[in-house]
Amino acid sequence: MSQSTLDDDELFGEAASEMREDVEASLDEARAVLPVADDIWNVEADNTLGVLNALKGALDVDDAEEHLRDAKKWYTMGERADAFEDADDLEADIAALETLLEDVETAREQVGELTSTVPQLRGTLEEFAAEDADEETDDDADADADADDDPEAEAEA
């Protein structure tokens, strides 16, 4: 085996190690910016909309998605170059993190839908209550007017 071949193999081994380290580092960075469980469970606000907005903010995983993308990029490159001797653990970690991020994003979308639905619902309920109150006021006024027109009702009073 020539010296050049040995050096190439050695360099390839170093590059493979560095790729693995890059994948692992990107996965660690993604995990580090995931929402903290207590941050999505314990939310303080003055009203429902405030709670929903705080929850939506806590479920933001854009940074984690970017780190996952980097991990997948380096992993794919290493796999295609056949640089990893055993990459099953990396593949499993990427898949698990990808599934978790999808679940968090789904929850964030659902909270976003509620964030727009709850104020609309509140407005509709307020309008309904106002219309109901107007109808009761109109019914009372009609009853008073009917009593004024009915002499027997006045005599009984």
Protein backbone atom coordinates (compact mmCIF):
# COMPACT_ATOMS: atom_id res chain seq x y z
CA MET A 1 0.00 0.00 0.00
CA SER A 2 1.44 3.35 -0.93
CA GLN A 3 1.93 6.25 1.44
CA SER A 4 -0.68 8.26 -0.51
CA THR A 5 -3.34 5.59 0.04
CA LEU A 6 -2.60 5.42 3.75
CA ASP A 7 -2.86 9.16 4.06
CA ASP A 8 -6.14 9.20 2.12
CA ASP A 9 -7.61 6.49 4.36
CA GLU A 10 -6.45 8.35 7.44
CA LEU A 11 -7.92 11.61 6.17
CA PHE A 12 -11.17 9.87 5.25
CA GLY A 13 -11.36 8.40 8.75
CA GLU A 14 -10.84 11.84 10.28
CA ALA A 15 -13.46 13.34 8.00
CA ALA A 16 -15.92 10.60 8.91
CA SER A 17 -15.32 11.24 12.61
CA GLU A 18 -15.83 14.95 12.11
CA MET A 19 -19.06 14.34 10.18
CA ARG A 20 -20.37 12.14 12.97
CA GLU A 21 -19.43 14.82 15.50
CA ASP A 22 -21.22 17.44 13.38
CA VAL A 23 -24.37 15.31 13.26
CA GLU A 24 -24.23 14.69 17.01
CA ALA A 25 -23.57 18.38 17.73
CA SER A 26 -26.49 19.47 15.56
CA LEU A 27 -28.76 16.97 17.29
CA ASP A 28 -27.61 18.24 20.69
CA GLU A 29 -28.25 21.83 19.62
CA ALA A 30 -31.73 20.87 18.40
CA ARG A 31 -32.52 19.19 21.70
CA ALA A 32 -31.23 22.21 23.62
CA VAL A 33 -33.70 24.59 21.96
CA LEU A 34 -36.76 22.35 22.25
CA PRO A 35 -39.57 23.73 24.39
CA VAL A 36 -39.24 22.91 28.06
CA ALA A 37 -42.15 20.76 29.28
CA ASP A 38 -42.91 23.12 32.17
CA ASP A 39 -43.00 26.10 29.78
CA ILE A 40 -45.88 24.59 27.87
CA TRP A 41 -47.66 23.27 30.93
CA ASN A 42 -47.34 26.27 33.27
CA VAL A 43 -48.49 29.35 31.40
CA GLU A 44 -49.56 32.54 33.11
CA ALA A 45 -51.85 35.11 31.55
CA ASP A 46 -54.83 37.29 32.37
CA ASN A 47 -57.20 35.61 29.96
CA THR A 48 -57.65 32.67 27.62
CA LEU A 49 -56.21 34.49 24.63
CA GLY A 50 -53.11 35.38 26.64
CA VAL A 51 -52.67 31.75 27.64
CA LEU A 52 -53.04 30.61 24.05
CA ASN A 53 -50.55 33.19 22.76
CA ALA A 54 -48.03 32.24 25.46
CA LEU A 55 -48.48 28.56 24.65
CA LYS A 56 -48.09 29.20 20.93
CA GLY A 57 -44.85 31.06 21.63
CA ALA A 58 -43.59 28.26 23.87
CA LEU A 59 -44.25 25.74 21.09
CA ASP A 60 -42.01 27.56 18.59
CA VAL A 61 -39.47 25.04 17.27
CA ASP A 62 -37.99 26.94 14.33
CA ASP A 63 -34.47 26.87 15.79
CA ALA A 64 -34.70 23.16 16.56
CA GLU A 65 -35.89 22.49 13.02
CA GLU A 66 -32.86 24.33 11.64
CA HIS A 67 -30.47 22.27 13.77
CA LEU A 68 -32.25 19.08 12.74
CA ARG A 69 -31.84 20.10 9.12
CA ASP A 70 -28.10 20.50 9.66
CA ALA A 71 -27.92 17.09 11.33
CA LYS A 72 -29.79 15.48 8.45
CA LYS A 73 -27.56 17.23 5.93
CA TRP A 74 -24.34 15.95 7.52
CA TYR A 75 -25.85 12.52 8.11
CA THR A 76 -26.94 12.21 4.48
CA MET A 77 -23.54 13.30 3.28
CA GLY A 78 -21.81 10.76 5.52
CA GLU A 79 -24.17 7.98 4.52
CA ARG A 80 -23.71 8.60 0.82
CA ALA A 81 -19.95 8.65 1.27
CA ASP A 82 -20.24 5.43 3.29
CA ALA A 83 -18.27 7.24 5.98
CA PHE A 84 -20.05 5.81 9.01
CA GLU A 85 -19.23 2.34 10.26
CA ASP A 86 -22.36 2.23 12.41
CA ALA A 87 -24.86 5.02 11.99
CA ASP A 88 -28.01 3.28 13.25
CA ASP A 89 -27.97 5.35 16.43
CA LEU A 90 -27.74 8.59 14.44
CA GLU A 91 -30.56 7.53 12.17
CA ALA A 92 -32.74 6.63 15.16
CA ASP A 93 -31.97 9.92 16.93
CA ILE A 94 -32.81 11.91 13.80
CA ALA A 95 -36.08 10.02 13.31
CA ALA A 96 -37.10 10.44 16.97
CA LEU A 97 -36.34 14.15 16.93
CA GLU A 98 -38.14 14.58 13.63
CA THR A 99 -41.26 12.89 15.04
CA LEU A 100 -41.14 15.03 18.17
CA LEU A 101 -40.84 18.23 16.15
CA GLU A 102 -43.78 17.20 13.97
CA ASP A 103 -45.88 16.61 17.10
CA VAL A 104 -44.92 19.98 18.57
CA GLU A 105 -45.64 21.73 15.26
CA THR A 106 -49.06 20.04 15.08
CA ALA A 107 -49.84 21.23 18.61
CA ARG A 108 -48.68 24.75 17.69
CA GLU A 109 -50.98 24.80 14.65
CA GLN A 110 -53.92 23.67 16.80
CA VAL A 111 -53.20 26.39 19.35
CA GLY A 112 -52.96 28.88 16.48
CA GLU A 113 -56.39 27.85 15.29
CA LEU A 114 -57.78 28.31 18.80
CA THR A 115 -56.06 31.68 19.03
CA SER A 116 -58.14 32.90 16.11
CA THR A 117 -61.31 30.99 17.01
CA VAL A 118 -61.67 31.99 20.67
CA PRO A 119 -61.93 35.78 20.05
CA GLN A 120 -64.44 35.15 17.26
CA LEU A 121 -66.45 32.90 19.56
CA ARG A 122 -66.33 35.51 22.32
CA GLY A 123 -67.58 38.18 19.91
CA THR A 124 -70.40 35.95 18.70
CA LEU A 125 -71.45 35.13 22.26
CA GLU A 126 -71.38 38.82 23.21
CA GLU A 127 -73.53 39.70 20.18
CA PHE A 128 -75.95 36.92 21.05
CA ALA A 129 -76.19 38.07 24.66
CA ALA A 130 -76.75 41.69 23.54
CA GLU A 131 -79.48 40.64 21.10
CA ASP A 132 -81.10 38.53 23.82
CA ALA A 133 -80.99 41.47 26.22
CA ASP A 134 -82.49 43.76 23.55
CA GLU A 135 -85.31 41.28 22.98
CA GLU A 136 -86.06 41.12 26.71
CA THR A 137 -86.08 44.91 26.89
CA ASP A 138 -88.39 45.07 23.86
CA ASP A 139 -90.68 42.42 25.43
CA ASP A 140 -90.86 44.39 28.70
CA ALA A 141 -91.63 47.61 26.80
CA ASP A 142 -94.33 45.84 24.80
CA ALA A 143 -95.85 44.45 28.01
CA ASP A 144 -95.87 47.93 29.58
CA ALA A 145 -97.46 49.40 26.46
CA ASP A 146 -100.10 46.66 26.44
CA ALA A 147 -100.85 47.35 30.10
CA ASP A 148 -101.24 51.06 29.38
CA ASP A 149 -103.71 50.30 26.60
CA ASP A 150 -105.74 47.85 28.73
CA PRO A 151 -108.00 49.70 31.23
CA GLU A 152 -108.79 46.48 33.12
CA ALA A 153 -105.09 45.91 33.73
CA GLU A 154 -104.80 49.40 35.16
CA ALA A 155 -107.81 48.84 37.39
CA GLU A 156 -106.35 45.59 38.73
CA ALA A 157 -103.06 47.28 39.50
